Amino acid sequence: MAGCAAETKLRPTPEAGILQDGKSSAITETEGVRLTADGSAWKGSPSDLERRITPVYVRLENQGQRALRIQYPDFALVGKESRFRYSALSPLALQKATSSKDSETPARVSPAMWSRGGVWVGGG
């Protein structure tokens, strides 16, 4: 008996600026605030993180005139066609989302790159 799972493919919208490989990373900017999102950036542990959530590396750079206040509940990436909402997860929520139900010890999630300054986004 075989099983299968849906595989999430993230692609930038045509309006977004395309970065690097042109398939999974995009950039957009408005009023001096630049958002970079990369759906293939996860290279850390666990290596199969995308089987549990959808990891997206997000970087916000504010070169605008006003300060930004961004909290996890206020931030999400939304699919243009599907309207699926990818909500930002705090480090604690990420730890819980990736812990094994068979074990009381939560899984250790450690990005291979970008130790700070970014927000890891997961499906939910």
PDB file of N, CA and C in Angstrom:
ATOM      1  N   MET A   1       0.847  -1.173   0.000  1.00  0.00           N
ATOM      2  CA  MET A   1       0.000   0.000   0.000  1.00  0.00           C
ATOM      3  C   MET A   1       0.893   1.236   0.000  1.00  0.00           C
ATOM      4  N   ALA A   2       0.626   2.140  -0.860  1.00  0.00           N
ATOM      5  CA  ALA A   2       1.447   3.348  -0.969  1.00  0.00           C
ATOM      6  C   ALA A   2       0.640   4.555  -0.542  1.00  0.00           C
ATOM      7  N   GLY A   3       1.330   5.536  -0.045  1.00  0.00           N
ATOM      8  CA  GLY A   3       0.684   6.784   0.349  1.00  0.00           C
ATOM      9  C   GLY A   3       1.324   7.936  -0.385  1.00  0.00           C
ATOM     10  N   CYS A   4       0.636   9.036  -0.402  1.00  0.00           N
ATOM     11  CA  CYS A   4       1.214  10.210  -1.039  1.00  0.00           C
ATOM     12  C   CYS A   4       0.800  11.442  -0.255  1.00  0.00           C
ATOM     13  N   ALA A   5       1.543  12.482  -0.439  1.00  0.00           N
ATOM     14  CA  ALA A   5       1.252  13.750   0.232  1.00  0.00           C
ATOM     15  C   ALA A   5       1.350  14.860  -0.796  1.00  0.00           C
ATOM     16  N   ALA A   6       0.515  15.853  -0.610  1.00  0.00           N
ATOM     17  CA  ALA A   6       0.574  17.016  -1.503  1.00  0.00           C
ATOM     18  C   ALA A   6       1.876  17.755  -1.278  1.00  0.00           C
ATOM     19  N   GLU A   7       2.458  18.239  -2.344  1.00  0.00           N
ATOM     20  CA  GLU A   7       3.699  18.998  -2.244  1.00  0.00           C
ATOM     21  C   GLU A   7       3.399  20.445  -2.576  1.00  0.00           C
ATOM     22  N   THR A   8       3.797  21.334  -1.681  1.00  0.00           N
ATOM     23  CA  THR A   8       3.552  22.754  -1.885  1.00  0.00           C
ATOM     24  C   THR A   8       4.640  23.337  -2.767  1.00  0.00           C
ATOM     25  N   LYS A   9       4.245  24.016  -3.808  1.00  0.00           N
ATOM     26  CA  LYS A   9       5.184  24.721  -4.683  1.00  0.00           C
ATOM     27  C   LYS A   9       4.885  26.203  -4.560  1.00  0.00           C
ATOM     28  N   LEU A  10       5.842  26.948  -4.097  1.00  0.00           N
ATOM     29  CA  LEU A  10       5.680  28.391  -3.970  1.00  0.00           C
ATOM     30  C   LEU A  10       6.324  29.062  -5.164  1.00  0.00           C
ATOM     31  N   ARG A  11       5.579  29.958  -5.795  1.00  0.00           N
ATOM     32  CA  ARG A  11       6.101  30.700  -6.941  1.00  0.00           C
ATOM     33  C   ARG A  11       5.718  32.160  -6.790  1.00  0.00           C
ATOM     34  N   PRO A  12       6.612  33.073  -7.116  1.00  0.00           N
ATOM     35  CA  PRO A  12       6.289  34.500  -7.038  1.00  0.00           C
ATOM     36  C   PRO A  12       5.221  34.873  -8.062  1.00  0.00           C
ATOM     37  N   THR A  13       4.432  35.874  -7.740  1.00  0.00           N
ATOM     38  CA  THR A  13       3.457  36.384  -8.705  1.00  0.00           C
ATOM     39  C   THR A  13       4.207  37.138  -9.801  1.00  0.00           C
ATOM     40  N   PRO A  14       3.601  37.295 -10.965  1.00  0.00           N
ATOM     41  CA  PRO A  14       4.265  38.027 -12.049  1.00  0.00           C
ATOM     42  C   PRO A  14       4.611  39.471 -11.667  1.00  0.00           C
ATOM     43  N   GLU A  15       3.842  40.071 -10.766  1.00  0.00           N
ATOM     44  CA  GLU A  15       4.106  41.456 -10.367  1.00  0.00           C
ATOM     45  C   GLU A  15       5.340  41.584  -9.477  1.00  0.00           C
ATOM     46  N   ALA A  16       5.712  40.515  -8.798  1.00  0.00           N
ATOM     47  CA  ALA A  16       6.852  40.566  -7.885  1.00  0.00           C
ATOM     48  C   ALA A  16       8.148  40.559  -8.679  1.00  0.00           C
ATOM     49  N   GLY A  17       9.137  41.256  -8.157  1.00  0.00           N
ATOM     50  CA  GLY A  17      10.460  41.181  -8.758  1.00  0.00           C
ATOM     51  C   GLY A  17      11.034  39.808  -8.468  1.00  0.00           C
ATOM     52  N   ILE A  18      11.711  39.221  -9.410  1.00  0.00           N
ATOM     53  CA  ILE A  18      12.246  37.876  -9.251  1.00  0.00           C
ATOM     54  C   ILE A  18      13.712  37.968  -8.840  1.00  0.00           C
ATOM     55  N   LEU A  19      14.089  37.151  -7.880  1.00  0.00           N
ATOM     56  CA  LEU A  19      15.466  37.099  -7.404  1.00  0.00           C
ATOM     57  C   LEU A  19      16.133  35.787  -7.787  1.00  0.00           C
ATOM     58  N   GLN A  20      17.400  35.804  -7.902  1.00  0.00           N
ATOM     59  CA  GLN A  20      18.265  34.640  -8.075  1.00  0.00           C
ATOM     60  C   GLN A  20      17.705  33.612  -9.037  1.00  0.00           C
ATOM     61  N   ASP A  21      17.188  32.492  -8.526  1.00  0.00           N
ATOM     62  CA  ASP A  21      16.791  31.387  -9.393  1.00  0.00           C
ATOM     63  C   ASP A  21      15.517  31.650 -10.184  1.00  0.00           C
ATOM     64  N   GLY A  22      14.764  32.669  -9.798  1.00  0.00           N
ATOM     65  CA  GLY A  22      13.565  33.027 -10.541  1.00  0.00           C
ATOM     66  C   GLY A  22      12.388  32.100 -10.349  1.00  0.00           C
ATOM     67  N   LYS A  23      12.486  31.128  -9.463  1.00  0.00           N
ATOM     68  CA  LYS A  23      11.405  30.168  -9.281  1.00  0.00           C
ATOM     69  C   LYS A  23      10.733  30.285  -7.923  1.00  0.00           C
ATOM     70  N   SER A  24      11.518  30.473  -6.880  1.00  0.00           N
ATOM     71  CA  SER A  24      10.920  30.419  -5.548  1.00  0.00           C
ATOM     72  C   SER A  24      11.197  31.644  -4.695  1.00  0.00           C
ATOM     73  N   SER A  25      11.918  32.615  -5.205  1.00  0.00           N
ATOM     74  CA  SER A  25      12.201  33.809  -4.419  1.00  0.00           C
ATOM     75  C   SER A  25      11.734  35.050  -5.167  1.00  0.00           C
ATOM     76  N   ALA A  26      11.233  35.994  -4.396  1.00  0.00           N
ATOM     77  CA  ALA A  26      10.695  37.217  -5.002  1.00  0.00           C
ATOM     78  C   ALA A  26      10.944  38.394  -4.077  1.00  0.00           C
ATOM     79  N   ILE A  27      10.843  39.578  -4.653  1.00  0.00           N
ATOM     80  CA  ILE A  27      11.044  40.800  -3.889  1.00  0.00           C
ATOM     81  C   ILE A  27       9.997  41.817  -4.327  1.00  0.00           C
ATOM     82  N   THR A  28       9.517  42.584  -3.376  1.00  0.00           N
ATOM     83  CA  THR A  28       8.600  43.674  -3.682  1.00  0.00           C
ATOM     84  C   THR A  28       8.925  44.834  -2.750  1.00  0.00           C
ATOM     85  N   GLU A  29       8.640  46.044  -3.187  1.00  0.00           N
ATOM     86  CA  GLU A  29       8.969  47.218  -2.387  1.00  0.00           C
ATOM     87  C   GLU A  29       7.886  48.269  -2.555  1.00  0.00           C
ATOM     88  N   THR A  30       7.540  48.922  -1.451  1.00  0.00           N
ATOM     89  CA  THR A  30       6.605  50.036  -1.481  1.00  0.00           C
ATOM     90  C   THR A  30       6.945  51.000  -0.351  1.00  0.00           C
ATOM     91  N   GLU A  31       6.950  52.271  -0.661  1.00  0.00           N
ATOM     92  CA  GLU A  31       7.216  53.338   0.308  1.00  0.00           C
ATOM     93  C   GLU A  31       8.464  53.067   1.145  1.00  0.00           C
ATOM     94  N   GLY A  32       9.502  52.537   0.511  1.00  0.00           N
ATOM     95  CA  GLY A  32      10.769  52.314   1.192  1.00  0.00           C
ATOM     96  C   GLY A  32      10.849  51.043   2.014  1.00  0.00           C
ATOM     97  N   VAL A  33       9.806  50.226   1.999  1.00  0.00           N
ATOM     98  CA  VAL A  33       9.822  48.956   2.728  1.00  0.00           C
ATOM     99  C   VAL A  33       9.953  47.831   1.706  1.00  0.00           C
ATOM    100  N   ARG A  34      11.027  47.080   1.830  1.00  0.00           N
ATOM    101  CA  ARG A  34      11.309  45.991   0.897  1.00  0.00           C
ATOM    102  C   ARG A  34      11.067  44.651   1.590  1.00  0.00           C
ATOM    103  N   LEU A  35      10.307  43.781   0.926  1.00  0.00           N
ATOM    104  CA  LEU A  35      10.043  42.440   1.423  1.00  0.00           C
ATOM    105  C   LEU A  35      10.647  41.443   0.450  1.00  0.00           C
ATOM    106  N   THR A  36      11.470  40.564   0.980  1.00  0.00           N
ATOM    107  CA  THR A  36      12.048  39.481   0.204  1.00  0.00           C
ATOM    108  C   THR A  36      11.513  38.181   0.778  1.00  0.00           C
ATOM    109  N   ALA A  37      11.008  37.302  -0.057  1.00  0.00           N
ATOM    110  CA  ALA A  37      10.491  36.003   0.379  1.00  0.00           C
ATOM    111  C   ALA A  37      11.124  34.911  -0.471  1.00  0.00           C
ATOM    112  N   ASP A  38      11.573  33.851   0.198  1.00  0.00           N
ATOM    113  CA  ASP A  38      12.205  32.734  -0.502  1.00  0.00           C
ATOM    114  C   ASP A  38      11.633  31.426   0.033  1.00  0.00           C
ATOM    115  N   GLY A  39      10.937  30.698  -0.823  1.00  0.00           N
ATOM    116  CA  GLY A  39      10.312  29.448  -0.421  1.00  0.00           C
ATOM    117  C   GLY A  39      11.225  28.240  -0.472  1.00  0.00           C
ATOM    118  N   SER A  40      12.469  28.419  -0.880  1.00  0.00           N
ATOM    119  CA  SER A  40      13.387  27.274  -0.937  1.00  0.00           C
ATOM    120  C   SER A  40      14.639  27.504  -0.101  1.00  0.00           C
ATOM    121  N   ALA A  41      14.581  28.430   0.835  1.00  0.00           N
ATOM    122  CA  ALA A  41      15.768  28.806   1.602  1.00  0.00           C
ATOM    123  C   ALA A  41      16.098  27.841   2.734  1.00  0.00           C
ATOM    124  N   TRP A  42      15.161  27.012   3.158  1.00  0.00           N
ATOM    125  CA  TRP A  42      15.401  26.156   4.331  1.00  0.00           C
ATOM    126  C   TRP A  42      16.454  25.107   4.022  1.00  0.00           C
ATOM    127  N   LYS A  43      17.557  25.152   4.791  1.00  0.00           N
ATOM    128  CA  LYS A  43      18.641  24.185   4.649  1.00  0.00           C
ATOM    129  C   LYS A  43      19.055  23.659   6.017  1.00  0.00           C
ATOM    130  N   GLY A  44      18.222  23.895   7.029  1.00  0.00           N
ATOM    131  CA  GLY A  44      18.584  23.553   8.396  1.00  0.00           C
ATOM    132  C   GLY A  44      18.050  22.211   8.849  1.00  0.00           C
ATOM    133  N   SER A  45      17.869  22.115  10.157  1.00  0.00           N
ATOM    134  CA  SER A  45      17.382  20.899  10.782  1.00  0.00           C
ATOM    135  C   SER A  45      16.036  21.188  11.430  1.00  0.00           C
ATOM    136  N   PRO A  46      15.051  20.353  11.240  1.00  0.00           N
ATOM    137  CA  PRO A  46      15.073  19.085  10.522  1.00  0.00           C
ATOM    138  C   PRO A  46      15.052  19.292   9.012  1.00  0.00           C
ATOM    139  N   SER A  47      15.683  18.372   8.313  1.00  0.00           N
ATOM    140  CA  SER A  47      15.787  18.513   6.861  1.00  0.00           C
ATOM    141  C   SER A  47      14.450  18.305   6.156  1.00  0.00           C
ATOM    142  N   ASP A  48      13.500  17.662   6.830  1.00  0.00           N
ATOM    143  CA  ASP A  48      12.181  17.418   6.235  1.00  0.00           C
ATOM    144  C   ASP A  48      11.117  18.375   6.779  1.00  0.00           C
ATOM    145  N   LEU A  49      11.515  19.561   7.166  1.00  0.00           N
ATOM    146  CA  LEU A  49      10.588  20.522   7.764  1.00  0.00           C
ATOM    147  C   LEU A  49       9.375  20.778   6.875  1.00  0.00           C
ATOM    148  N   GLU A  50       9.578  20.809   5.554  1.00  0.00           N
ATOM    149  CA  GLU A  50       8.472  21.099   4.640  1.00  0.00           C
ATOM    150  C   GLU A  50       7.398  20.013   4.643  1.00  0.00           C
ATOM    151  N   ARG A  51       7.648  18.880   5.262  1.00  0.00           N
ATOM    152  CA  ARG A  51       6.606  17.855   5.390  1.00  0.00           C
ATOM    153  C   ARG A  51       5.632  18.205   6.508  1.00  0.00           C
ATOM    154  N   ARG A  52       6.018  19.126   7.394  1.00  0.00           N
ATOM    155  CA  ARG A  52       5.174  19.514   8.530  1.00  0.00           C
ATOM    156  C   ARG A  52       4.571  20.901   8.366  1.00  0.00           C
ATOM    157  N   ILE A  53       5.355  21.818   7.846  1.00  0.00           N
ATOM    158  CA  ILE A  53       4.908  23.192   7.609  1.00  0.00           C
ATOM    159  C   ILE A  53       5.548  23.673   6.312  1.00  0.00           C
ATOM    160  N   THR A  54       5.190  24.847   5.876  1.00  0.00           N
ATOM    161  CA  THR A  54       5.786  25.419   4.670  1.00  0.00           C
ATOM    162  C   THR A  54       6.770  26.507   5.079  1.00  0.00           C
ATOM    163  N   PRO A  55       8.067  26.197   5.107  1.00  0.00           N
ATOM    164  CA  PRO A  55       9.036  27.208   5.519  1.00  0.00           C
ATOM    165  C   PRO A  55       9.282  28.235   4.414  1.00  0.00           C
ATOM    166  N   VAL A  56       9.208  29.492   4.775  1.00  0.00           N
ATOM    167  CA  VAL A  56       9.493  30.588   3.849  1.00  0.00           C
ATOM    168  C   VAL A  56      10.370  31.582   4.595  1.00  0.00           C
ATOM    169  N   TYR A  57      11.522  31.885   4.037  1.00  0.00           N
ATOM    170  CA  TYR A  57      12.387  32.902   4.624  1.00  0.00           C
ATOM    171  C   TYR A  57      11.880  34.262   4.171  1.00  0.00           C
ATOM    172  N   VAL A  58      11.607  35.130   5.140  1.00  0.00           N
ATOM    173  CA  VAL A  58      11.102  36.471   4.837  1.00  0.00           C
ATOM    174  C   VAL A  58      12.037  37.488   5.473  1.00  0.00           C
ATOM    175  N   ARG A  59      12.411  38.478   4.683  1.00  0.00           N
ATOM    176  CA  ARG A  59      13.254  39.556   5.196  1.00  0.00           C
ATOM    177  C   ARG A  59      12.576  40.876   4.875  1.00  0.00           C
ATOM    178  N   LEU A  60      12.423  41.711   5.898  1.00  0.00           N
ATOM    179  CA  LEU A  60      11.863  43.049   5.727  1.00  0.00           C
ATOM    180  C   LEU A  60      12.962  44.061   5.969  1.00  0.00           C
ATOM    181  N   GLU A  61      13.091  45.002   5.061  1.00  0.00           N
ATOM    182  CA  GLU A  61      14.053  46.088   5.210  1.00  0.00           C
ATOM    183  C   GLU A  61      13.285  47.396   5.122  1.00  0.00           C
ATOM    184  N   ASN A  62      13.425  48.221   6.145  1.00  0.00           N
ATOM    185  CA  ASN A  62      12.703  49.488   6.177  1.00  0.00           C
ATOM    186  C   ASN A  62      13.664  50.636   5.900  1.00  0.00           C
ATOM    187  N   GLN A  63      13.573  51.197   4.706  1.00  0.00           N
ATOM    188  CA  GLN A  63      14.332  52.388   4.343  1.00  0.00           C
ATOM    189  C   GLN A  63      13.393  53.593   4.265  1.00  0.00           C
ATOM    190  N   GLY A  64      12.161  53.383   4.709  1.00  0.00           N
ATOM    191  CA  GLY A  64      11.152  54.438   4.663  1.00  0.00           C
ATOM    192  C   GLY A  64      11.318  55.443   5.791  1.00  0.00           C
ATOM    193  N   GLN A  65      10.432  56.411   5.819  1.00  0.00           N
ATOM    194  CA  GLN A  65      10.496  57.498   6.794  1.00  0.00           C
ATOM    195  C   GLN A  65       9.801  57.163   8.110  1.00  0.00           C
ATOM    196  N   ARG A  66       8.987  56.117   8.129  1.00  0.00           N
ATOM    197  CA  ARG A  66       8.245  55.777   9.340  1.00  0.00           C
ATOM    198  C   ARG A  66       8.704  54.437   9.895  1.00  0.00           C
ATOM    199  N   ALA A  67       8.659  54.326  11.220  1.00  0.00           N
ATOM    200  CA  ALA A  67       9.002  53.062  11.873  1.00  0.00           C
ATOM    201  C   ALA A  67       7.890  52.041  11.621  1.00  0.00           C
ATOM    202  N   LEU A  68       8.264  50.784  11.573  1.00  0.00           N
ATOM    203  CA  LEU A  68       7.299  49.707  11.392  1.00  0.00           C
ATOM    204  C   LEU A  68       7.140  48.941  12.692  1.00  0.00           C
ATOM    205  N   ARG A  69       5.928  48.507  12.956  1.00  0.00           N
ATOM    206  CA  ARG A  69       5.669  47.627  14.089  1.00  0.00           C
ATOM    207  C   ARG A  69       4.958  46.401  13.523  1.00  0.00           C
ATOM    208  N   ILE A  70       5.638  45.278  13.564  1.00  0.00           N
ATOM    209  CA  ILE A  70       5.094  44.052  12.994  1.00  0.00           C
ATOM    210  C   ILE A  70       5.081  42.988  14.078  1.00  0.00           C
ATOM    211  N   GLN A  71       3.911  42.398  14.285  1.00  0.00           N
ATOM    212  CA  GLN A  71       3.763  41.312  15.245  1.00  0.00           C
ATOM    213  C   GLN A  71       3.340  40.062  14.483  1.00  0.00           C
ATOM    214  N   TYR A  72       3.637  38.892  15.031  1.00  0.00           N
ATOM    215  CA  TYR A  72       3.328  37.640  14.341  1.00  0.00           C
ATOM    216  C   TYR A  72       1.879  37.548  13.863  1.00  0.00           C
ATOM    217  N   PRO A  73       0.863  37.879  14.697  1.00  0.00           N
ATOM    218  CA  PRO A  73      -0.526  37.746  14.219  1.00  0.00           C
ATOM    219  C   PRO A  73      -0.873  38.699  13.073  1.00  0.00           C
ATOM    220  N   ASP A  74      -0.104  39.771  12.914  1.00  0.00           N
ATOM    221  CA  ASP A  74      -0.390  40.770  11.884  1.00  0.00           C
ATOM    222  C   ASP A  74       0.260  40.455  10.542  1.00  0.00           C
ATOM    223  N   PHE A  75       1.085  39.420  10.494  1.00  0.00           N
ATOM    224  CA  PHE A  75       1.887  39.171   9.307  1.00  0.00           C
ATOM    225  C   PHE A  75       1.525  37.831   8.678  1.00  0.00           C
ATOM    226  N   ALA A  76       1.317  37.829   7.378  1.00  0.00           N
ATOM    227  CA  ALA A  76       1.053  36.586   6.650  1.00  0.00           C
ATOM    228  C   ALA A  76       1.368  36.797   5.177  1.00  0.00           C
ATOM    229  N   LEU A  77       1.673  35.717   4.503  1.00  0.00           N
ATOM    230  CA  LEU A  77       1.776  35.715   3.051  1.00  0.00           C
ATOM    231  C   LEU A  77       0.511  35.038   2.541  1.00  0.00           C
ATOM    232  N   VAL A  78      -0.106  35.605   1.506  1.00  0.00           N
ATOM    233  CA  VAL A  78      -1.376  35.080   0.998  1.00  0.00           C
ATOM    234  C   VAL A  78      -1.211  34.704  -0.468  1.00  0.00           C
ATOM    235  N   GLY A  79      -1.632  33.495  -0.807  1.00  0.00           N
ATOM    236  CA  GLY A  79      -1.569  33.034  -2.190  1.00  0.00           C
ATOM    237  C   GLY A  79      -2.479  33.862  -3.075  1.00  0.00           C
ATOM    238  N   LYS A  80      -1.959  34.305  -4.203  1.00  0.00           N
ATOM    239  CA  LYS A  80      -2.737  35.166  -5.095  1.00  0.00           C
ATOM    240  C   LYS A  80      -3.966  34.446  -5.648  1.00  0.00           C
ATOM    241  N   GLU A  81      -3.793  33.239  -6.131  1.00  0.00           N
ATOM    242  CA  GLU A  81      -4.921  32.503  -6.709  1.00  0.00           C
ATOM    243  C   GLU A  81      -5.681  31.698  -5.666  1.00  0.00           C
ATOM    244  N   SER A  82      -4.962  30.974  -4.829  1.00  0.00           N
ATOM    245  CA  SER A  82      -5.623  30.099  -3.856  1.00  0.00           C
ATOM    246  C   SER A  82      -6.171  30.861  -2.656  1.00  0.00           C
ATOM    247  N   ARG A  83      -5.618  32.037  -2.389  1.00  0.00           N
ATOM    248  CA  ARG A  83      -5.946  32.843  -1.201  1.00  0.00           C
ATOM    249  C   ARG A  83      -5.570  32.113   0.086  1.00  0.00           C
ATOM    250  N   PHE A  84      -4.745  31.054  -0.021  1.00  0.00           N
ATOM    251  CA  PHE A  84      -4.282  30.346   1.167  1.00  0.00           C
ATOM    252  C   PHE A  84      -3.400  31.283   1.967  1.00  0.00           C
ATOM    253  N   ARG A  85      -3.598  31.302   3.267  1.00  0.00           N
ATOM    254  CA  ARG A  85      -2.888  32.220   4.151  1.00  0.00           C
ATOM    255  C   ARG A  85      -1.758  31.484   4.863  1.00  0.00           C
ATOM    256  N   TYR A  86      -0.531  31.923   4.628  1.00  0.00           N
ATOM    257  CA  TYR A  86       0.648  31.392   5.306  1.00  0.00           C
ATOM    258  C   TYR A  86       0.952  32.312   6.478  1.00  0.00           C
ATOM    259  N   SER A  87       0.643  31.864   7.681  1.00  0.00           N
ATOM    260  CA  SER A  87       0.799  32.696   8.874  1.00  0.00           C
ATOM    261  C   SER A  87       2.213  32.599   9.425  1.00  0.00           C
ATOM    262  N   ALA A  88       2.695  33.695   9.977  1.00  0.00           N
ATOM    263  CA  ALA A  88       4.011  33.710  10.610  1.00  0.00           C
ATOM    264  C   ALA A  88       3.937  32.952  11.929  1.00  0.00           C
ATOM    265  N   LEU A  89       4.972  32.187  12.224  1.00  0.00           N
ATOM    266  CA  LEU A  89       5.048  31.448  13.477  1.00  0.00           C
ATOM    267  C   LEU A  89       6.168  32.008  14.336  1.00  0.00           C
ATOM    268  N   SER A  90       5.886  32.174  15.607  1.00  0.00           N
ATOM    269  CA  SER A  90       6.933  32.572  16.548  1.00  0.00           C
ATOM    270  C   SER A  90       7.863  31.374  16.753  1.00  0.00           C
ATOM    271  N   PRO A  91       9.064  31.587  17.291  1.00  0.00           N
ATOM    272  CA  PRO A  91       9.957  30.450  17.536  1.00  0.00           C
ATOM    273  C   PRO A  91       9.318  29.368  18.417  1.00  0.00           C
ATOM    274  N   LEU A  92       8.551  29.758  19.440  1.00  0.00           N
ATOM    275  CA  LEU A  92       7.906  28.773  20.309  1.00  0.00           C
ATOM    276  C   LEU A  92       6.842  27.987  19.540  1.00  0.00           C
ATOM    277  N   ALA A  93       6.020  28.671  18.743  1.00  0.00           N
ATOM    278  CA  ALA A  93       4.998  27.984  17.948  1.00  0.00           C
ATOM    279  C   ALA A  93       5.649  27.063  16.922  1.00  0.00           C
ATOM    280  N   LEU A  94       6.761  27.484  16.362  1.00  0.00           N
ATOM    281  CA  LEU A  94       7.486  26.659  15.402  1.00  0.00           C
ATOM    282  C   LEU A  94       8.007  25.402  16.084  1.00  0.00           C
ATOM    283  N   GLN A  95       8.521  25.555  17.300  1.00  0.00           N
ATOM    284  CA  GLN A  95       9.016  24.412  18.069  1.00  0.00           C
ATOM    285  C   GLN A  95       7.885  23.412  18.308  1.00  0.00           C
ATOM    286  N   LYS A  96       6.712  23.919  18.686  1.00  0.00           N
ATOM    287  CA  LYS A  96       5.559  23.040  18.940  1.00  0.00           C
ATOM    288  C   LYS A  96       5.068  22.382  17.656  1.00  0.00           C
ATOM    289  N   ALA A  97       5.051  23.124  16.566  1.00  0.00           N
ATOM    290  CA  ALA A  97       4.555  22.598  15.292  1.00  0.00           C
ATOM    291  C   ALA A  97       5.434  21.485  14.750  1.00  0.00           C
ATOM    292  N   THR A  98       6.693  21.485  15.119  1.00  0.00           N
ATOM    293  CA  THR A  98       7.617  20.494  14.579  1.00  0.00           C
ATOM    294  C   THR A  98       7.952  19.391  15.564  1.00  0.00           C
ATOM    295  N   SER A  99       7.381  19.435  16.767  1.00  0.00           N
ATOM    296  CA  SER A  99       7.686  18.393  17.742  1.00  0.00           C
ATOM    297  C   SER A  99       6.942  17.119  17.377  1.00  0.00           C
ATOM    298  N   SER A 100       7.531  16.009  17.721  1.00  0.00           N
ATOM    299  CA  SER A 100       6.934  14.711  17.438  1.00  0.00           C
ATOM    300  C   SER A 100       5.836  14.425  18.444  1.00  0.00           C
ATOM    301  N   LYS A 101       4.722  13.894  17.982  1.00  0.00           N
ATOM    302  CA  LYS A 101       3.629  13.542  18.883  1.00  0.00           C
ATOM    303  C   LYS A 101       3.983  12.311  19.705  1.00  0.00           C
ATOM    304  N   ASP A 102       4.947  11.524  19.241  1.00  0.00           N
ATOM    305  CA  ASP A 102       5.357  10.322  19.957  1.00  0.00           C
ATOM    306  C   ASP A 102       6.381  10.613  21.038  1.00  0.00           C
ATOM    307  N   SER A 103       6.903  11.806  21.050  1.00  0.00           N
ATOM    308  CA  SER A 103       7.958  12.155  21.991  1.00  0.00           C
ATOM    309  C   SER A 103       7.563  13.385  22.784  1.00  0.00           C
ATOM    310  N   GLU A 104       7.961  13.427  24.039  1.00  0.00           N
ATOM    311  CA  GLU A 104       7.677  14.601  24.858  1.00  0.00           C
ATOM    312  C   GLU A 104       8.695  15.697  24.609  1.00  0.00           C
ATOM    313  N   THR A 105       9.825  15.343  24.022  1.00  0.00           N
ATOM    314  CA  THR A 105      10.860  16.318  23.736  1.00  0.00           C
ATOM    315  C   THR A 105      10.597  16.946  22.374  1.00  0.00           C
ATOM    316  N   PRO A 106      10.417  18.275  22.326  1.00  0.00           N
ATOM    317  CA  PRO A 106      10.158  18.905  21.034  1.00  0.00           C
ATOM    318  C   PRO A 106      11.377  18.825  20.124  1.00  0.00           C
ATOM    319  N   ALA A 107      11.115  18.796  18.836  1.00  0.00           N
ATOM    320  CA  ALA A 107      12.204  18.785  17.862  1.00  0.00           C
ATOM    321  C   ALA A 107      12.964  20.098  17.926  1.00  0.00           C
ATOM    322  N   ARG A 108      14.239  20.029  17.676  1.00  0.00           N
ATOM    323  CA  ARG A 108      15.043  21.245  17.635  1.00  0.00           C
ATOM    324  C   ARG A 108      15.040  21.767  16.203  1.00  0.00           C
ATOM    325  N   VAL A 109      14.613  22.996  16.051  1.00  0.00           N
ATOM    326  CA  VAL A 109      14.581  23.625  14.735  1.00  0.00           C
ATOM    327  C   VAL A 109      15.708  24.629  14.676  1.00  0.00           C
ATOM    328  N   SER A 110      16.610  24.448  13.724  1.00  0.00           N
ATOM    329  CA  SER A 110      17.734  25.365  13.622  1.00  0.00           C
ATOM    330  C   SER A 110      18.004  25.701  12.168  1.00  0.00           C
ATOM    331  N   PRO A 111      17.761  26.964  11.792  1.00  0.00           N
ATOM    332  CA  PRO A 111      18.051  27.374  10.420  1.00  0.00           C
ATOM    333  C   PRO A 111      19.539  27.276  10.135  1.00  0.00           C
ATOM    334  N   ALA A 112      19.871  26.876   8.936  1.00  0.00           N
ATOM    335  CA  ALA A 112      21.272  26.784   8.562  1.00  0.00           C
ATOM    336  C   ALA A 112      21.855  28.163   8.291  1.00  0.00           C
ATOM    337  N   MET A 113      20.987  29.122   7.934  1.00  0.00           N
ATOM    338  CA  MET A 113      21.430  30.467   7.609  1.00  0.00           C
ATOM    339  C   MET A 113      20.487  31.445   8.282  1.00  0.00           C
ATOM    340  N   TRP A 114      20.838  32.711   8.268  1.00  0.00           N
ATOM    341  CA  TRP A 114      19.989  33.781   8.783  1.00  0.00           C
ATOM    342  C   TRP A 114      19.585  33.553  10.233  1.00  0.00           C
ATOM    343  N   SER A 115      20.528  33.588  11.122  1.00  0.00           N
ATOM    344  CA  SER A 115      20.232  33.311  12.519  1.00  0.00           C
ATOM    345  C   SER A 115      19.342  34.355  13.163  1.00  0.00           C
ATOM    346  N   ARG A 116      19.270  35.550  12.590  1.00  0.00           N
ATOM    347  CA  ARG A 116      18.349  36.561  13.119  1.00  0.00           C
ATOM    348  C   ARG A 116      18.028  37.570  12.031  1.00  0.00           C
ATOM    349  N   GLY A 117      16.998  38.350  12.288  1.00  0.00           N
ATOM    350  CA  GLY A 117      16.624  39.378  11.337  1.00  0.00           C
ATOM    351  C   GLY A 117      15.570  38.942  10.339  1.00  0.00           C
ATOM    352  N   GLY A 118      15.237  37.669  10.328  1.00  0.00           N
ATOM    353  CA  GLY A 118      14.208  37.178   9.414  1.00  0.00           C
ATOM    354  C   GLY A 118      13.056  36.584  10.187  1.00  0.00           C
ATOM    355  N   VAL A 119      12.001  36.312   9.508  1.00  0.00           N
ATOM    356  CA  VAL A 119      10.845  35.664  10.097  1.00  0.00           C
ATOM    357  C   VAL A 119      10.596  34.397   9.306  1.00  0.00           C
ATOM    358  N   TRP A 120      10.532  33.252   9.987  1.00  0.00           N
ATOM    359  CA  TRP A 120      10.202  32.009   9.308  1.00  0.00           C
ATOM    360  C   TRP A 120       8.696  31.878   9.294  1.00  0.00           C
ATOM    361  N   VAL A 121       8.164  31.603   8.157  1.00  0.00           N
ATOM    362  CA  VAL A 121       6.717  31.561   7.963  1.00  0.00           C
ATOM    363  C   VAL A 121       6.294  30.133   7.685  1.00  0.00           C
ATOM    364  N   GLY A 122       5.180  29.700   8.309  1.00  0.00           N
ATOM    365  CA  GLY A 122       4.676  28.352   8.085  1.00  0.00           C
ATOM    366  C   GLY A 122       3.214  28.351   7.723  1.00  0.00           C
ATOM    367  N   GLY A 123       2.780  27.274   7.146  1.00  0.00           N
ATOM    368  CA  GLY A 123       1.367  27.153   6.788  1.00  0.00           C
ATOM    369  C   GLY A 123       0.505  27.001   8.020  1.00  0.00           C
ATOM    370  N   GLY A 124      -0.650  27.565   8.004  1.00  0.00           N
ATOM    371  CA  GLY A 124      -1.522  27.380   9.148  1.00  0.00           C
ATOM    372  C   GLY A 124      -2.675  28.232   9.184  1.00  0.00           C
TER     373      GLY A 124
END
